[in-house]
Amino acid sequence: MKKKCSLFLCIALCSFFVQQASAQKGSSYDNAVGMRIEFGNKYGTWAGFSGKHFFSDNVAGELMLLFGDGVTLLEPELQYHGDIENAAGLRWVLGFGPGFAFGNGSTDVLLRPLAGLDYKIQDVPINLTFDWRPAFVITHGTDFNAARFGLGIRYAW
């Protein structure tokens, strides 16, 4: 029951933030697609693809598909971006989303908050990201891993 309540809460919060998003697009780019790598002291290194779309100036959605150690991770997430004063193109990011890990004979559901930096190089269609992504596994026995980090490079337009 606790797992279902957690999943319901996550979906409800995502719906709320998407509803609050206005039609105005992100200030430095609207969309981005590219590569991502995630690493840490547990679960090994994962690499794959990432796509991002801004719903408003500060609210974006990202979808990741990562592969590693016999596991495929599909993760949609909602992100809030804020400007960093006197740092053109650099923004801080907070977000969360569910992760679905398929492999090793099972499917696990993860809750994944994130905190990081998003940098769009001015006059060049390149976006770079660095973030901290702890993982809370809520199925097949609970587990927590605080030491997960991600790097991304994307084509942005």
C-alpha atoms as a PDB file:
ATOM      1  CA  MET A   1       0.000   0.000   0.000  1.00  0.00           C
ATOM      2  CA  LYS A   2       2.852   2.398   0.860  1.00  0.00           C
ATOM      3  CA  LYS A   3       4.402   1.829  -2.593  1.00  0.00           C
ATOM      4  CA  LYS A   4       1.114   2.612  -4.356  1.00  0.00           C
ATOM      5  CA  CYS A   5       0.678   5.803  -2.312  1.00  0.00           C
ATOM      6  CA  SER A   6       4.230   6.929  -3.184  1.00  0.00           C
ATOM      7  CA  LEU A   7       3.654   6.301  -6.891  1.00  0.00           C
ATOM      8  CA  PHE A   8       0.293   8.116  -6.770  1.00  0.00           C
ATOM      9  CA  LEU A   9       1.891  11.115  -5.013  1.00  0.00           C
ATOM     10  CA  CYS A  10       4.650  11.291  -7.661  1.00  0.00           C
ATOM     11  CA  ILE A  11       2.112  11.219 -10.524  1.00  0.00           C
ATOM     12  CA  ALA A  12      -0.083  13.828  -8.815  1.00  0.00           C
ATOM     13  CA  LEU A  13       2.867  16.211  -8.321  1.00  0.00           C
ATOM     14  CA  CYS A  14       3.963  15.789 -11.957  1.00  0.00           C
ATOM     15  CA  SER A  15       0.417  16.592 -13.120  1.00  0.00           C
ATOM     16  CA  PHE A  16       0.265  19.680 -10.913  1.00  0.00           C
ATOM     17  CA  PHE A  17       3.539  21.129 -12.234  1.00  0.00           C
ATOM     18  CA  VAL A  18       2.626  20.450 -15.870  1.00  0.00           C
ATOM     19  CA  GLN A  19      -0.723  22.215 -15.369  1.00  0.00           C
ATOM     20  CA  GLN A  20       1.069  25.225 -13.866  1.00  0.00           C
ATOM     21  CA  ALA A  21       3.357  25.540 -16.893  1.00  0.00           C
ATOM     22  CA  SER A  22       2.503  28.400 -19.230  1.00  0.00           C
ATOM     23  CA  ALA A  23       2.823  28.462 -23.004  1.00  0.00           C
ATOM     24  CA  GLN A  24       6.067  30.473 -22.849  1.00  0.00           C
ATOM     25  CA  LYS A  25       9.115  28.398 -23.833  1.00  0.00           C
ATOM     26  CA  GLY A  26      12.553  28.137 -22.225  1.00  0.00           C
ATOM     27  CA  SER A  27      14.667  31.270 -22.508  1.00  0.00           C
ATOM     28  CA  SER A  28      17.884  29.796 -23.940  1.00  0.00           C
ATOM     29  CA  TYR A  29      16.568  26.694 -25.726  1.00  0.00           C
ATOM     30  CA  ASP A  30      13.266  24.856 -26.138  1.00  0.00           C
ATOM     31  CA  ASN A  31      14.350  21.276 -26.909  1.00  0.00           C
ATOM     32  CA  ALA A  32      17.462  19.137 -26.628  1.00  0.00           C
ATOM     33  CA  VAL A  33      18.442  15.558 -27.528  1.00  0.00           C
ATOM     34  CA  GLY A  34      21.693  13.759 -26.881  1.00  0.00           C
ATOM     35  CA  MET A  35      23.769  11.358 -24.837  1.00  0.00           C
ATOM     36  CA  ARG A  36      23.919  10.764 -21.109  1.00  0.00           C
ATOM     37  CA  ILE A  37      26.120   8.771 -18.754  1.00  0.00           C
ATOM     38  CA  GLU A  38      25.340   7.989 -15.125  1.00  0.00           C
ATOM     39  CA  PHE A  39      27.753   6.577 -12.583  1.00  0.00           C
ATOM     40  CA  GLY A  40      28.157   5.948  -8.873  1.00  0.00           C
ATOM     41  CA  ASN A  41      29.249   3.468  -6.254  1.00  0.00           C
ATOM     42  CA  LYS A  42      26.315   1.108  -6.790  1.00  0.00           C
ATOM     43  CA  TYR A  43      24.387  -0.169  -9.825  1.00  0.00           C
ATOM     44  CA  GLY A  44      27.396   0.348 -12.125  1.00  0.00           C
ATOM     45  CA  THR A  45      27.707   2.788 -15.014  1.00  0.00           C
ATOM     46  CA  TRP A  46      24.763   3.414 -17.334  1.00  0.00           C
ATOM     47  CA  ALA A  47      24.840   5.194 -20.684  1.00  0.00           C
ATOM     48  CA  GLY A  48      22.161   6.097 -23.182  1.00  0.00           C
ATOM     49  CA  PHE A  49      19.944   8.782 -24.620  1.00  0.00           C
ATOM     50  CA  SER A  50      18.174  11.840 -23.262  1.00  0.00           C
ATOM     51  CA  GLY A  51      15.528  14.194 -24.622  1.00  0.00           C
ATOM     52  CA  LYS A  52      14.292  17.398 -22.997  1.00  0.00           C
ATOM     53  CA  HIS A  53      11.449  19.823 -23.707  1.00  0.00           C
ATOM     54  CA  PHE A  54      10.597  23.091 -21.933  1.00  0.00           C
ATOM     55  CA  PHE A  55       6.905  23.567 -21.153  1.00  0.00           C
ATOM     56  CA  SER A  56       7.557  27.091 -19.826  1.00  0.00           C
ATOM     57  CA  ASP A  57      10.542  29.295 -19.027  1.00  0.00           C
ATOM     58  CA  ASN A  58      11.346  27.297 -15.886  1.00  0.00           C
ATOM     59  CA  VAL A  59       9.565  23.938 -16.234  1.00  0.00           C
ATOM     60  CA  ALA A  60      10.920  21.139 -18.419  1.00  0.00           C
ATOM     61  CA  GLY A  61      10.318  17.452 -18.932  1.00  0.00           C
ATOM     62  CA  GLU A  62      13.119  15.021 -19.658  1.00  0.00           C
ATOM     63  CA  LEU A  63      12.983  11.418 -20.827  1.00  0.00           C
ATOM     64  CA  MET A  64      16.015   9.157 -20.470  1.00  0.00           C
ATOM     65  CA  LEU A  65      16.723   5.672 -21.783  1.00  0.00           C
ATOM     66  CA  LEU A  66      19.879   4.231 -20.208  1.00  0.00           C
ATOM     67  CA  PHE A  67      21.605   0.858 -20.522  1.00  0.00           C
ATOM     68  CA  GLY A  68      24.130  -0.858 -18.267  1.00  0.00           C
ATOM     69  CA  ASP A  69      24.939  -3.988 -16.243  1.00  0.00           C
ATOM     70  CA  GLY A  70      22.121  -6.002 -17.835  1.00  0.00           C
ATOM     71  CA  VAL A  71      19.547  -3.333 -16.960  1.00  0.00           C
ATOM     72  CA  THR A  72      17.536  -0.925 -19.105  1.00  0.00           C
ATOM     73  CA  LEU A  73      16.312   2.200 -17.293  1.00  0.00           C
ATOM     74  CA  LEU A  74      13.425   4.282 -18.605  1.00  0.00           C
ATOM     75  CA  GLU A  75      12.946   7.509 -16.666  1.00  0.00           C
ATOM     76  CA  PRO A  76      10.570  10.408 -17.287  1.00  0.00           C
ATOM     77  CA  GLU A  77      11.037  13.377 -14.987  1.00  0.00           C
ATOM     78  CA  LEU A  78       9.847  16.894 -14.337  1.00  0.00           C
ATOM     79  CA  GLN A  79      12.416  19.640 -13.722  1.00  0.00           C
ATOM     80  CA  TYR A  80      12.377  23.199 -12.432  1.00  0.00           C
ATOM     81  CA  HIS A  81      15.147  25.508 -13.725  1.00  0.00           C
ATOM     82  CA  GLY A  82      16.329  28.735 -12.103  1.00  0.00           C
ATOM     83  CA  ASP A  83      18.762  31.346 -13.371  1.00  0.00           C
ATOM     84  CA  ILE A  84      22.163  31.888 -11.782  1.00  0.00           C
ATOM     85  CA  GLU A  85      22.972  35.584 -11.586  1.00  0.00           C
ATOM     86  CA  ASN A  86      25.930  36.801 -13.714  1.00  0.00           C
ATOM     87  CA  ALA A  87      26.349  33.371 -15.370  1.00  0.00           C
ATOM     88  CA  ALA A  88      24.838  33.541 -18.858  1.00  0.00           C
ATOM     89  CA  GLY A  89      23.494  30.187 -19.993  1.00  0.00           C
ATOM     90  CA  LEU A  90      24.006  28.477 -16.610  1.00  0.00           C
ATOM     91  CA  ARG A  91      20.936  27.420 -14.631  1.00  0.00           C
ATOM     92  CA  TRP A  92      20.356  25.336 -11.509  1.00  0.00           C
ATOM     93  CA  VAL A  93      17.924  22.418 -11.771  1.00  0.00           C
ATOM     94  CA  LEU A  94      15.731  20.575  -9.270  1.00  0.00           C
ATOM     95  CA  GLY A  95      13.452  17.750 -10.260  1.00  0.00           C
ATOM     96  CA  PHE A  96      12.082  14.296  -9.702  1.00  0.00           C
ATOM     97  CA  GLY A  97      10.593  11.370 -11.532  1.00  0.00           C
ATOM     98  CA  PRO A  98       9.951   7.676 -11.434  1.00  0.00           C
ATOM     99  CA  GLY A  99      12.464   5.298 -12.947  1.00  0.00           C
ATOM    100  CA  PHE A 100      11.624   1.873 -14.361  1.00  0.00           C
ATOM    101  CA  ALA A 101      14.542  -0.579 -14.396  1.00  0.00           C
ATOM    102  CA  PHE A 102      14.018  -3.659 -16.578  1.00  0.00           C
ATOM    103  CA  GLY A 103      16.446  -6.549 -16.407  1.00  0.00           C
ATOM    104  CA  ASN A 104      17.913  -9.356 -14.358  1.00  0.00           C
ATOM    105  CA  GLY A 105      14.522 -11.103 -14.408  1.00  0.00           C
ATOM    106  CA  SER A 106      12.562  -8.312 -12.730  1.00  0.00           C
ATOM    107  CA  THR A 107      11.237  -4.787 -13.051  1.00  0.00           C
ATOM    108  CA  ASP A 108      12.056  -2.286 -10.344  1.00  0.00           C
ATOM    109  CA  VAL A 109      10.415   1.074  -9.715  1.00  0.00           C
ATOM    110  CA  LEU A 110      12.657   3.870  -8.461  1.00  0.00           C
ATOM    111  CA  LEU A 111      11.903   7.343  -7.174  1.00  0.00           C
ATOM    112  CA  ARG A 112      14.652   9.703  -8.312  1.00  0.00           C
ATOM    113  CA  PRO A 113      15.048  13.294  -7.168  1.00  0.00           C
ATOM    114  CA  LEU A 114      17.775  15.374  -8.806  1.00  0.00           C
ATOM    115  CA  ALA A 115      19.776  18.531  -8.189  1.00  0.00           C
ATOM    116  CA  GLY A 116      22.212  19.868 -10.726  1.00  0.00           C
ATOM    117  CA  LEU A 117      23.413  22.382 -13.278  1.00  0.00           C
ATOM    118  CA  ASP A 118      22.319  22.927 -16.883  1.00  0.00           C
ATOM    119  CA  TYR A 119      24.528  24.971 -19.228  1.00  0.00           C
ATOM    120  CA  LYS A 120      23.590  26.104 -22.734  1.00  0.00           C
ATOM    121  CA  ILE A 121      26.639  27.387 -24.599  1.00  0.00           C
ATOM    122  CA  GLN A 122      25.746  30.767 -26.106  1.00  0.00           C
ATOM    123  CA  ASP A 123      25.589  30.939 -29.912  1.00  0.00           C
ATOM    124  CA  VAL A 124      26.357  27.191 -30.119  1.00  0.00           C
ATOM    125  CA  PRO A 125      23.586  24.537 -30.120  1.00  0.00           C
ATOM    126  CA  ILE A 126      25.193  22.527 -27.282  1.00  0.00           C
ATOM    127  CA  ASN A 127      23.731  21.901 -23.818  1.00  0.00           C
ATOM    128  CA  LEU A 128      25.809  20.351 -20.994  1.00  0.00           C
ATOM    129  CA  THR A 129      24.449  18.937 -17.727  1.00  0.00           C
ATOM    130  CA  PHE A 130      25.814  17.671 -14.428  1.00  0.00           C
ATOM    131  CA  ASP A 131      23.569  16.399 -11.660  1.00  0.00           C
ATOM    132  CA  TRP A 132      23.244  14.373  -8.491  1.00  0.00           C
ATOM    133  CA  ARG A 133      20.542  11.679  -8.707  1.00  0.00           C
ATOM    134  CA  PRO A 134      20.014   9.537  -5.618  1.00  0.00           C
ATOM    135  CA  ALA A 135      17.904   6.432  -6.207  1.00  0.00           C
ATOM    136  CA  PHE A 136      15.151   5.051  -3.963  1.00  0.00           C
ATOM    137  CA  VAL A 137      14.124   1.538  -5.079  1.00  0.00           C
ATOM    138  CA  ILE A 138      10.554   0.914  -3.906  1.00  0.00           C
ATOM    139  CA  THR A 139       9.939  -2.586  -5.296  1.00  0.00           C
ATOM    140  CA  HIS A 140      11.460  -6.016  -4.619  1.00  0.00           C
ATOM    141  CA  GLY A 141      12.822  -4.895  -1.286  1.00  0.00           C
ATOM    142  CA  THR A 142      13.577  -1.260  -0.711  1.00  0.00           C
ATOM    143  CA  ASP A 143      17.028   0.149  -1.361  1.00  0.00           C
ATOM    144  CA  PHE A 144      18.666   3.571  -1.370  1.00  0.00           C
ATOM    145  CA  ASN A 145      21.770   4.820  -3.138  1.00  0.00           C
ATOM    146  CA  ALA A 146      22.879   8.406  -2.559  1.00  0.00           C
ATOM    147  CA  ALA A 147      26.049   8.290  -4.680  1.00  0.00           C
ATOM    148  CA  ARG A 148      24.664   8.541  -8.238  1.00  0.00           C
ATOM    149  CA  PHE A 149      25.771  11.284 -10.624  1.00  0.00           C
ATOM    150  CA  GLY A 150      25.022  12.087 -14.251  1.00  0.00           C
ATOM    151  CA  LEU A 151      26.684  13.906 -17.150  1.00  0.00           C
ATOM    152  CA  GLY A 152      24.978  14.841 -20.394  1.00  0.00           C
ATOM    153  CA  ILE A 153      25.726  16.484 -23.718  1.00  0.00           C
ATOM    154  CA  ARG A 154      22.875  17.372 -26.052  1.00  0.00           C
ATOM    155  CA  TYR A 155      22.088  19.191 -29.259  1.00  0.00           C
ATOM    156  CA  ALA A 156      19.793  22.080 -28.281  1.00  0.00           C
ATOM    157  CA  TRP A 157      17.433  24.211 -30.342  1.00  0.00           C
END
